Amino acid sequence: NSLKLVREACQHWLNAKHSLAFVVQLGDLIDGFCASNNSTENDLRTILKEFEKLPRVYHLWGNHEFYNLTRNQLLASPLCSFDTKEISPSHYGTIEICPNLRIIALDTYDLSLLGIDENTERYDQAMSTLRKYNQNDNVNDRTGLDGYQQRFIQLNGGLTQKQLTWLRDQLLHARNHHDKVLIFGHIPVHPIAADEIALLWNYENVLDLLWEFDDVVLAYLAGHCHEGGYYYDEKRIHHITLQAIVECEPDINAFATVHVYNQHLVIEGIGRINTYRIELLKN
């Protein structure tokens, strides 16, 4: 059913009155069980074929990708969408929508147990972060974790300090050039816009940056929490968690198109996804 819905979304964009500039895919493109079925390569090839007629597609990485492929395999695959020469094995970057408006795409599994060799400092750092709160043998077990601490499980991840520094530099650059920014990441960063078990490990650090640059940041768009969510925070930033196609009924889709106007954006939701209007200028 998900493949059918992706095909319908692509056809919708091809038939649209106005041409599409690009697509951002928020992660979890393939089923988490492909590897156990030995179907990862075939399933990835099948789904990517649906995007071939579209303009450029930027892929973000979710936990489903890491259930099937290592980070190094993803970097060498068609799912690598950014220049990673100076940041490898991380995967993040920027996308220009039009003058003075761009996307900052985050790698929300930069600090993670998924897709990383266990014999590395990077893995040790991720395990240390998780073990501060989660002492369970099964790292996806939430026993003993309360409230937002339940996010400290293997299926989530966080941003490294290097990426946080990069994000701040990007936001400062945007402010100095009078740009506005949409931030995309697989994992949500606001507790009200997602389930408490589906949050970025260090979401507070990211929120602090978004709020410090609230004159620049318009919205944060995420996936991961398949039921979706929304919150318009006290700094007038939209937190939009898009519903997942994988949870859709056979004849109900879940995708959106962003329309850019002189003074506002419209995120036009299809199917399970709502429509949102975002002002480019905050009063």
C-alpha atoms as a PDB file:
ATOM      1  CA  ASN A   1       0.000   0.000   0.000  1.00  0.00           C
ATOM      2  CA  SER A   2       2.814   2.432   0.831  1.00  0.00           C
ATOM      3  CA  LEU A   3       4.401   1.980  -2.600  1.00  0.00           C
ATOM      4  CA  LYS A   4       1.047   2.730  -4.229  1.00  0.00           C
ATOM      5  CA  LEU A   5       0.668   5.900  -2.160  1.00  0.00           C
ATOM      6  CA  VAL A   6       4.186   7.100  -3.019  1.00  0.00           C
ATOM      7  CA  ARG A   7       3.377   6.540  -6.686  1.00  0.00           C
ATOM      8  CA  GLU A   8       0.186   8.591  -6.307  1.00  0.00           C
ATOM      9  CA  ALA A   9       2.089  11.418  -4.598  1.00  0.00           C
ATOM     10  CA  CYS A  10       4.645  11.553  -7.404  1.00  0.00           C
ATOM     11  CA  GLN A  11       1.896  11.587 -10.016  1.00  0.00           C
ATOM     12  CA  HIS A  12       0.131  14.395  -8.147  1.00  0.00           C
ATOM     13  CA  TRP A  13       3.272  16.528  -8.343  1.00  0.00           C
ATOM     14  CA  LEU A  14       3.811  15.702 -12.013  1.00  0.00           C
ATOM     15  CA  ASN A  15       0.237  16.774 -12.809  1.00  0.00           C
ATOM     16  CA  ALA A  16       0.369  19.948 -10.711  1.00  0.00           C
ATOM     17  CA  LYS A  17      -0.368  23.303 -12.336  1.00  0.00           C
ATOM     18  CA  HIS A  18       2.939  24.749 -11.153  1.00  0.00           C
ATOM     19  CA  SER A  19       6.180  22.865 -11.651  1.00  0.00           C
ATOM     20  CA  LEU A  20       7.861  21.324  -8.639  1.00  0.00           C
ATOM     21  CA  ALA A  21      11.329  22.601  -7.676  1.00  0.00           C
ATOM     22  CA  PHE A  22      12.410  19.648  -5.544  1.00  0.00           C
ATOM     23  CA  VAL A  23      11.227  17.063  -3.011  1.00  0.00           C
ATOM     24  CA  VAL A  24      12.384  16.530   0.568  1.00  0.00           C
ATOM     25  CA  GLN A  25      11.854  12.997   1.866  1.00  0.00           C
ATOM     26  CA  LEU A  26      11.874  13.007   5.669  1.00  0.00           C
ATOM     27  CA  GLY A  27      13.131   9.463   6.244  1.00  0.00           C
ATOM     28  CA  ASP A  28      11.822   5.934   6.880  1.00  0.00           C
ATOM     29  CA  LEU A  29      11.656   5.430   3.127  1.00  0.00           C
ATOM     30  CA  ILE A  30      11.931   1.640   3.397  1.00  0.00           C
ATOM     31  CA  ASP A  31      10.490  -0.903   5.794  1.00  0.00           C
ATOM     32  CA  GLY A  32      12.472  -1.595   8.919  1.00  0.00           C
ATOM     33  CA  PHE A  33      12.353  -5.347   8.278  1.00  0.00           C
ATOM     34  CA  CYS A  34      13.871  -5.353   4.787  1.00  0.00           C
ATOM     35  CA  ALA A  35      17.237  -6.574   6.070  1.00  0.00           C
ATOM     36  CA  SER A  36      15.725  -9.552   7.889  1.00  0.00           C
ATOM     37  CA  ASN A  37      13.929 -10.451   4.654  1.00  0.00           C
ATOM     38  CA  ASN A  38      17.099  -9.940   2.574  1.00  0.00           C
ATOM     39  CA  SER A  39      15.165  -7.468   0.434  1.00  0.00           C
ATOM     40  CA  THR A  40      16.876  -4.154   1.250  1.00  0.00           C
ATOM     41  CA  GLU A  41      18.579  -3.627  -2.100  1.00  0.00           C
ATOM     42  CA  ASN A  42      15.548  -4.626  -4.153  1.00  0.00           C
ATOM     43  CA  ASP A  43      13.073  -2.645  -2.043  1.00  0.00           C
ATOM     44  CA  LEU A  44      15.253   0.470  -2.113  1.00  0.00           C
ATOM     45  CA  ARG A  45      15.641   0.227  -5.879  1.00  0.00           C
ATOM     46  CA  THR A  46      11.864  -0.185  -6.279  1.00  0.00           C
ATOM     47  CA  ILE A  47      10.936   2.863  -4.213  1.00  0.00           C
ATOM     48  CA  LEU A  48      13.637   5.090  -5.710  1.00  0.00           C
ATOM     49  CA  LYS A  49      12.348   4.283  -9.184  1.00  0.00           C
ATOM     50  CA  GLU A  50       9.119   6.101  -8.286  1.00  0.00           C
ATOM     51  CA  PHE A  51      11.080   9.348  -7.829  1.00  0.00           C
ATOM     52  CA  GLU A  52      12.924   9.189 -11.157  1.00  0.00           C
ATOM     53  CA  LYS A  53      10.521  11.463 -13.060  1.00  0.00           C
ATOM     54  CA  LEU A  54      10.624  14.156 -10.391  1.00  0.00           C
ATOM     55  CA  PRO A  55      13.141  16.987 -10.037  1.00  0.00           C
ATOM     56  CA  ARG A  56      15.842  16.574  -7.441  1.00  0.00           C
ATOM     57  CA  VAL A  57      14.936  14.624  -4.309  1.00  0.00           C
ATOM     58  CA  TYR A  58      16.701  15.290  -1.002  1.00  0.00           C
ATOM     59  CA  HIS A  59      16.664  12.371   1.418  1.00  0.00           C
ATOM     60  CA  LEU A  60      16.852  12.568   5.192  1.00  0.00           C
ATOM     61  CA  TRP A  61      17.703   9.431   7.138  1.00  0.00           C
ATOM     62  CA  GLY A  62      15.383   7.814   9.666  1.00  0.00           C
ATOM     63  CA  ASN A  63      15.747   4.812  11.927  1.00  0.00           C
ATOM     64  CA  HIS A  64      14.251   2.525   9.258  1.00  0.00           C
ATOM     65  CA  GLU A  65      17.179   3.308   6.964  1.00  0.00           C
ATOM     66  CA  PHE A  66      19.602   2.399   9.749  1.00  0.00           C
ATOM     67  CA  TYR A  67      17.815  -0.893  10.447  1.00  0.00           C
ATOM     68  CA  ASN A  68      18.810  -1.920   6.928  1.00  0.00           C
ATOM     69  CA  LEU A  69      22.027  -0.069   6.076  1.00  0.00           C
ATOM     70  CA  THR A  70      25.096   1.183   7.895  1.00  0.00           C
ATOM     71  CA  ARG A  71      25.947   4.867   7.843  1.00  0.00           C
ATOM     72  CA  ASN A  72      28.825   4.178   5.446  1.00  0.00           C
ATOM     73  CA  GLN A  73      26.494   2.274   3.124  1.00  0.00           C
ATOM     74  CA  LEU A  74      24.036   5.177   3.164  1.00  0.00           C
ATOM     75  CA  LEU A  75      26.809   7.638   2.347  1.00  0.00           C
ATOM     76  CA  ALA A  76      27.622   5.563  -0.750  1.00  0.00           C
ATOM     77  CA  SER A  77      23.968   5.174  -1.787  1.00  0.00           C
ATOM     78  CA  PRO A  78      21.461   7.316  -3.744  1.00  0.00           C
ATOM     79  CA  LEU A  79      20.093   8.363  -0.345  1.00  0.00           C
ATOM     80  CA  CYS A  80      23.144  10.568   0.237  1.00  0.00           C
ATOM     81  CA  SER A  81      21.878  14.025  -0.732  1.00  0.00           C
ATOM     82  CA  PHE A  82      24.498  16.444   0.605  1.00  0.00           C
ATOM     83  CA  ASP A  83      28.198  17.113   0.158  1.00  0.00           C
ATOM     84  CA  THR A  84      29.685  15.225   3.094  1.00  0.00           C
ATOM     85  CA  LYS A  85      33.409  15.508   2.301  1.00  0.00           C
ATOM     86  CA  GLU A  86      34.121  17.712   5.319  1.00  0.00           C
ATOM     87  CA  ILE A  87      31.551  16.223   7.712  1.00  0.00           C
ATOM     88  CA  SER A  88      31.520  12.477   6.921  1.00  0.00           C
ATOM     89  CA  PRO A  89      30.076  10.260   8.307  1.00  0.00           C
ATOM     90  CA  SER A  90      27.483  12.917   9.148  1.00  0.00           C
ATOM     91  CA  HIS A  91      24.790  13.847   6.618  1.00  0.00           C
ATOM     92  CA  TYR A  92      23.331  17.348   6.797  1.00  0.00           C
ATOM     93  CA  GLY A  93      23.205  20.460   4.627  1.00  0.00           C
ATOM     94  CA  THR A  94      21.188  23.359   3.248  1.00  0.00           C
ATOM     95  CA  ILE A  95      18.762  23.717   0.340  1.00  0.00           C
ATOM     96  CA  GLU A  96      17.952  27.059  -1.264  1.00  0.00           C
ATOM     97  CA  ILE A  97      14.244  27.470  -1.967  1.00  0.00           C
ATOM     98  CA  CYS A  98      14.543  30.971  -3.415  1.00  0.00           C
ATOM     99  CA  PRO A  99      16.476  34.134  -2.540  1.00  0.00           C
ATOM    100  CA  ASN A 100      16.297  34.763   1.225  1.00  0.00           C
ATOM    101  CA  LEU A 101      14.525  31.476   1.965  1.00  0.00           C
ATOM    102  CA  ARG A 102      16.175  28.128   2.535  1.00  0.00           C
ATOM    103  CA  ILE A 103      15.964  24.788   4.276  1.00  0.00           C
ATOM    104  CA  ILE A 104      18.418  23.531   6.869  1.00  0.00           C
ATOM    105  CA  ALA A 105      18.329  19.726   6.800  1.00  0.00           C
ATOM    106  CA  LEU A 106      19.567  18.015   9.958  1.00  0.00           C
ATOM    107  CA  ASP A 107      21.067  14.603  10.635  1.00  0.00           C
ATOM    108  CA  THR A 108      19.070  13.585  13.709  1.00  0.00           C
ATOM    109  CA  TYR A 109      20.982  10.295  14.051  1.00  0.00           C
ATOM    110  CA  ASP A 110      24.398  11.952  14.032  1.00  0.00           C
ATOM    111  CA  LEU A 111      24.687  10.801  17.655  1.00  0.00           C
ATOM    112  CA  SER A 112      23.183   7.318  17.633  1.00  0.00           C
ATOM    113  CA  LEU A 113      23.690   3.617  18.230  1.00  0.00           C
ATOM    114  CA  LEU A 114      22.219   2.847  14.809  1.00  0.00           C
ATOM    115  CA  GLY A 115      24.357   2.275  11.722  1.00  0.00           C
ATOM    116  CA  ILE A 116      27.658   2.808  13.562  1.00  0.00           C
ATOM    117  CA  ASP A 117      30.487   0.359  14.235  1.00  0.00           C
ATOM    118  CA  GLU A 118      30.429  -0.561  17.927  1.00  0.00           C
ATOM    119  CA  ASN A 119      34.221  -0.255  18.112  1.00  0.00           C
ATOM    120  CA  THR A 120      34.261   3.506  17.580  1.00  0.00           C
ATOM    121  CA  GLU A 121      34.398   6.600  19.768  1.00  0.00           C
ATOM    122  CA  ARG A 122      31.204   7.801  18.094  1.00  0.00           C
ATOM    123  CA  TYR A 123      29.334   4.690  19.267  1.00  0.00           C
ATOM    124  CA  ASP A 124      30.764   4.997  22.788  1.00  0.00           C
ATOM    125  CA  GLN A 125      29.595   8.609  22.994  1.00  0.00           C
ATOM    126  CA  ALA A 126      26.074   7.633  21.930  1.00  0.00           C
ATOM    127  CA  MET A 127      25.958   4.751  24.408  1.00  0.00           C
ATOM    128  CA  SER A 128      27.181   7.026  27.188  1.00  0.00           C
ATOM    129  CA  THR A 129      24.423   9.528  26.384  1.00  0.00           C
ATOM    130  CA  LEU A 130      21.743   6.843  26.447  1.00  0.00           C
ATOM    131  CA  ARG A 131      23.074   5.099  29.577  1.00  0.00           C
ATOM    132  CA  LYS A 132      22.785   8.265  31.665  1.00  0.00           C
ATOM    133  CA  TYR A 133      19.055   7.532  31.732  1.00  0.00           C
ATOM    134  CA  ASN A 134      18.445   4.021  30.395  1.00  0.00           C
ATOM    135  CA  GLN A 135      20.084   1.129  32.262  1.00  0.00           C
ATOM    136  CA  ASN A 136      17.951  -1.609  30.698  1.00  0.00           C
ATOM    137  CA  ASP A 137      19.621  -4.545  28.934  1.00  0.00           C
ATOM    138  CA  ASN A 138      17.358  -3.921  25.947  1.00  0.00           C
ATOM    139  CA  VAL A 139      18.201  -0.399  24.768  1.00  0.00           C
ATOM    140  CA  ASN A 140      14.674   0.010  23.374  1.00  0.00           C
ATOM    141  CA  ASP A 141      13.119  -0.882  26.746  1.00  0.00           C
ATOM    142  CA  ARG A 142      11.570   2.139  28.514  1.00  0.00           C
ATOM    143  CA  THR A 143      11.162   0.452  31.905  1.00  0.00           C
ATOM    144  CA  GLY A 144      12.064   2.892  34.669  1.00  0.00           C
ATOM    145  CA  LEU A 145      11.974   5.929  32.386  1.00  0.00           C
ATOM    146  CA  ASP A 146       9.434   8.651  33.120  1.00  0.00           C
ATOM    147  CA  GLY A 147       7.973  11.361  30.918  1.00  0.00           C
ATOM    148  CA  TYR A 148      10.333  12.789  28.343  1.00  0.00           C
ATOM    149  CA  GLN A 149      13.158  10.554  29.606  1.00  0.00           C
ATOM    150  CA  GLN A 150      11.453   7.820  27.589  1.00  0.00           C
ATOM    151  CA  ARG A 151      13.132   9.257  24.501  1.00  0.00           C
ATOM    152  CA  PHE A 152      16.430   7.695  25.590  1.00  0.00           C
ATOM    153  CA  ILE A 153      16.021   4.509  23.596  1.00  0.00           C
ATOM    154  CA  GLN A 154      17.848   3.141  20.579  1.00  0.00           C
ATOM    155  CA  LEU A 155      15.272   4.125  17.967  1.00  0.00           C
ATOM    156  CA  ASN A 156      16.030   7.810  18.616  1.00  0.00           C
ATOM    157  CA  GLY A 157      19.236   9.808  18.290  1.00  0.00           C
ATOM    158  CA  GLY A 158      20.672  13.277  18.622  1.00  0.00           C
ATOM    159  CA  LEU A 159      22.911  15.952  17.144  1.00  0.00           C
ATOM    160  CA  THR A 160      26.635  15.972  17.841  1.00  0.00           C
ATOM    161  CA  GLN A 161      28.240  19.126  19.204  1.00  0.00           C
ATOM    162  CA  LYS A 162      29.844  19.644  15.799  1.00  0.00           C
ATOM    163  CA  GLN A 163      26.441  19.694  14.107  1.00  0.00           C
ATOM    164  CA  LEU A 164      24.971  21.974  16.776  1.00  0.00           C
ATOM    165  CA  THR A 165      27.820  24.422  16.146  1.00  0.00           C
ATOM    166  CA  TRP A 166      27.200  24.177  12.402  1.00  0.00           C
ATOM    167  CA  LEU A 167      23.474  24.796  12.930  1.00  0.00           C
ATOM    168  CA  ARG A 168      24.191  27.909  14.959  1.00  0.00           C
ATOM    169  CA  ASP A 169      26.559  29.164  12.262  1.00  0.00           C
ATOM    170  CA  GLN A 170      23.877  28.607   9.619  1.00  0.00           C
ATOM    171  CA  LEU A 171      21.272  30.488  11.633  1.00  0.00           C
ATOM    172  CA  LEU A 172      23.674  33.364  12.280  1.00  0.00           C
ATOM    173  CA  HIS A 173      24.459  33.512   8.561  1.00  0.00           C
ATOM    174  CA  ALA A 174      20.730  33.611   7.806  1.00  0.00           C
ATOM    175  CA  ARG A 175      20.188  36.462  10.265  1.00  0.00           C
ATOM    176  CA  ASN A 176      23.083  38.473   8.850  1.00  0.00           C
ATOM    177  CA  HIS A 177      21.719  38.028   5.314  1.00  0.00           C
ATOM    178  CA  HIS A 178      18.060  38.643   6.273  1.00  0.00           C
ATOM    179  CA  ASP A 179      17.115  35.089   5.294  1.00  0.00           C
ATOM    180  CA  LYS A 180      14.267  32.990   6.645  1.00  0.00           C
ATOM    181  CA  VAL A 181      14.706  29.309   7.378  1.00  0.00           C
ATOM    182  CA  LEU A 182      12.699  26.107   7.504  1.00  0.00           C
ATOM    183  CA  ILE A 183      14.402  23.332   9.445  1.00  0.00           C
ATOM    184  CA  PHE A 184      13.824  19.702   8.485  1.00  0.00           C
ATOM    185  CA  GLY A 185      14.811  16.687  10.575  1.00  0.00           C
ATOM    186  CA  HIS A 186      13.546  13.140  10.889  1.00  0.00           C
ATOM    187  CA  ILE A 187      13.069  13.316  14.671  1.00  0.00           C
ATOM    188  CA  PRO A 188      10.836  16.013  16.239  1.00  0.00           C
ATOM    189  CA  VAL A 189      12.294  18.533  18.700  1.00  0.00           C
ATOM    190  CA  HIS A 190       9.217  19.861  20.509  1.00  0.00           C
ATOM    191  CA  PRO A 191       7.529  17.631  23.117  1.00  0.00           C
ATOM    192  CA  ILE A 192       4.042  18.899  22.299  1.00  0.00           C
ATOM    193  CA  ALA A 193       4.411  18.141  18.575  1.00  0.00           C
ATOM    194  CA  ALA A 194       5.215  14.445  19.036  1.00  0.00           C
ATOM    195  CA  ASP A 195       4.885  11.458  21.323  1.00  0.00           C
ATOM    196  CA  GLU A 196       7.248  11.636  24.316  1.00  0.00           C
ATOM    197  CA  ILE A 197       9.065   8.491  23.134  1.00  0.00           C
ATOM    198  CA  ALA A 198       9.753   9.958  19.676  1.00  0.00           C
ATOM    199  CA  LEU A 199      11.891  12.989  20.538  1.00  0.00           C
ATOM    200  CA  LEU A 200      15.465  13.953  19.765  1.00  0.00           C
ATOM    201  CA  TRP A 201      17.798  12.983  22.622  1.00  0.00           C
ATOM    202  CA  ASN A 202      19.098  16.556  22.949  1.00  0.00           C
ATOM    203  CA  TYR A 203      15.994  18.345  21.749  1.00  0.00           C
ATOM    204  CA  GLU A 204      16.475  21.081  24.376  1.00  0.00           C
ATOM    205  CA  ASN A 205      19.751  22.145  22.736  1.00  0.00           C
ATOM    206  CA  VAL A 206      18.083  22.442  19.347  1.00  0.00           C
ATOM    207  CA  LEU A 207      15.073  24.288  20.754  1.00  0.00           C
ATOM    208  CA  ASP A 208      17.394  26.749  22.485  1.00  0.00           C
ATOM    209  CA  LEU A 209      18.978  27.543  19.117  1.00  0.00           C
ATOM    210  CA  LEU A 210      15.630  27.863  17.352  1.00  0.00           C
ATOM    211  CA  TRP A 211      14.417  30.257  20.025  1.00  0.00           C
ATOM    212  CA  GLU A 212      17.648  32.255  20.015  1.00  0.00           C
ATOM    213  CA  PHE A 213      17.082  32.814  16.288  1.00  0.00           C
ATOM    214  CA  ASP A 214      13.294  33.077  16.368  1.00  0.00           C
ATOM    215  CA  ASP A 215      13.502  36.039  13.974  1.00  0.00           C
ATOM    216  CA  VAL A 216      14.970  33.639  11.399  1.00  0.00           C
ATOM    217  CA  VAL A 217      13.307  30.256  12.010  1.00  0.00           C
ATOM    218  CA  LEU A 218       9.802  29.831  10.618  1.00  0.00           C
ATOM    219  CA  ALA A 219       9.146  26.150  11.233  1.00  0.00           C
ATOM    220  CA  TYR A 220      10.584  22.746  12.092  1.00  0.00           C
ATOM    221  CA  LEU A 221       9.228  19.855  10.005  1.00  0.00           C
ATOM    222  CA  ALA A 222       9.733  16.262  11.110  1.00  0.00           C
ATOM    223  CA  GLY A 223       8.633  12.677  10.614  1.00  0.00           C
ATOM    224  CA  HIS A 224       9.371   9.686  12.916  1.00  0.00           C
ATOM    225  CA  CYS A 225       6.208   9.985  15.030  1.00  0.00           C
ATOM    226  CA  HIS A 226       3.935   8.261  12.522  1.00  0.00           C
ATOM    227  CA  GLU A 227       0.705   9.652  13.951  1.00  0.00           C
ATOM    228  CA  GLY A 228       1.945  13.207  13.393  1.00  0.00           C
ATOM    229  CA  GLY A 229       1.598  16.298  15.559  1.00  0.00           C
ATOM    230  CA  TYR A 230       1.586  20.091  15.570  1.00  0.00           C
ATOM    231  CA  TYR A 231       2.452  22.939  17.928  1.00  0.00           C
ATOM    232  CA  TYR A 232       2.847  26.693  17.429  1.00  0.00           C
ATOM    233  CA  ASP A 233       5.277  27.608  20.167  1.00  0.00           C
ATOM    234  CA  GLU A 234       5.750  30.730  22.282  1.00  0.00           C
ATOM    235  CA  LYS A 235       8.415  32.000  19.873  1.00  0.00           C
ATOM    236  CA  ARG A 236       5.939  31.751  16.979  1.00  0.00           C
ATOM    237  CA  ILE A 237       7.699  28.783  15.401  1.00  0.00           C
ATOM    238  CA  HIS A 238       5.573  26.075  13.798  1.00  0.00           C
ATOM    239  CA  HIS A 239       6.467  22.498  14.766  1.00  0.00           C
ATOM    240  CA  ILE A 240       4.905  20.230  12.163  1.00  0.00           C
ATOM    241  CA  THR A 241       5.252  16.461  12.480  1.00  0.00           C
ATOM    242  CA  LEU A 242       3.970  14.883   9.288  1.00  0.00           C
ATOM    243  CA  GLN A 243       1.940  11.685   9.389  1.00  0.00           C
ATOM    244  CA  ALA A 244       3.577   8.636   7.829  1.00  0.00           C
ATOM    245  CA  ILE A 245       2.370   6.937   4.680  1.00  0.00           C
ATOM    246  CA  VAL A 246       3.104   3.587   6.333  1.00  0.00           C
ATOM    247  CA  GLU A 247       0.219   4.209   8.771  1.00  0.00           C
ATOM    248  CA  CYS A 248      -2.297   5.172   6.067  1.00  0.00           C
ATOM    249  CA  GLU A 249      -5.442   3.273   5.159  1.00  0.00           C
ATOM    250  CA  PRO A 250      -5.481   1.980   1.547  1.00  0.00           C
ATOM    251  CA  ASP A 251      -7.163   5.039  -0.002  1.00  0.00           C
ATOM    252  CA  ILE A 252      -5.822   7.814   2.250  1.00  0.00           C
ATOM    253  CA  ASN A 253      -2.454   9.386   1.460  1.00  0.00           C
ATOM    254  CA  ALA A 254      -0.088  11.570   3.517  1.00  0.00           C
ATOM    255  CA  PHE A 255       2.141  14.116   1.763  1.00  0.00           C
ATOM    256  CA  ALA A 256       2.351  17.871   1.355  1.00  0.00           C
ATOM    257  CA  THR A 257       3.357  20.552  -1.136  1.00  0.00           C
ATOM    258  CA  VAL A 258       4.927  23.847  -0.062  1.00  0.00           C
ATOM    259  CA  HIS A 259       3.741  26.875  -2.056  1.00  0.00           C
ATOM    260  CA  VAL A 260       5.917  29.983  -1.745  1.00  0.00           C
ATOM    261  CA  TYR A 261       4.372  33.456  -2.030  1.00  0.00           C
ATOM    262  CA  ASN A 262       5.801  36.932  -1.472  1.00  0.00           C
ATOM    263  CA  GLN A 263       4.703  37.252   2.139  1.00  0.00           C
ATOM    264  CA  HIS A 264       3.802  33.737   3.239  1.00  0.00           C
ATOM    265  CA  LEU A 265       4.090  30.007   2.642  1.00  0.00           C
ATOM    266  CA  VAL A 266       1.296  27.490   2.385  1.00  0.00           C
ATOM    267  CA  ILE A 267       2.020  23.888   3.265  1.00  0.00           C
ATOM    268  CA  GLU A 268      -0.814  22.183   1.411  1.00  0.00           C
ATOM    269  CA  GLY A 269      -1.528  18.859   3.068  1.00  0.00           C
ATOM    270  CA  ILE A 270      -3.012  15.921   1.220  1.00  0.00           C
ATOM    271  CA  GLY A 271      -4.941  13.119   2.922  1.00  0.00           C
ATOM    272  CA  ARG A 272      -4.044  12.794   6.602  1.00  0.00           C
ATOM    273  CA  ILE A 273      -1.864  15.913   6.608  1.00  0.00           C
ATOM    274  CA  ASN A 274      -3.353  19.292   7.476  1.00  0.00           C
ATOM    275  CA  THR A 275      -2.709  22.533   5.603  1.00  0.00           C
ATOM    276  CA  TYR A 276      -0.670  25.277   7.293  1.00  0.00           C
ATOM    277  CA  ARG A 277      -0.075  28.939   6.496  1.00  0.00           C
ATOM    278  CA  ILE A 278       3.265  30.394   7.606  1.00  0.00           C
ATOM    279  CA  GLU A 279       3.948  34.125   7.499  1.00  0.00           C
ATOM    280  CA  LEU A 280       7.396  35.112   6.239  1.00  0.00           C
ATOM    281  CA  LEU A 281       7.450  38.253   8.368  1.00  0.00           C
ATOM    282  CA  LYS A 282       6.851  38.001  12.106  1.00  0.00           C
ATOM    283  CA  ASN A 283       5.232  41.095  13.588  1.00  0.00           C
END
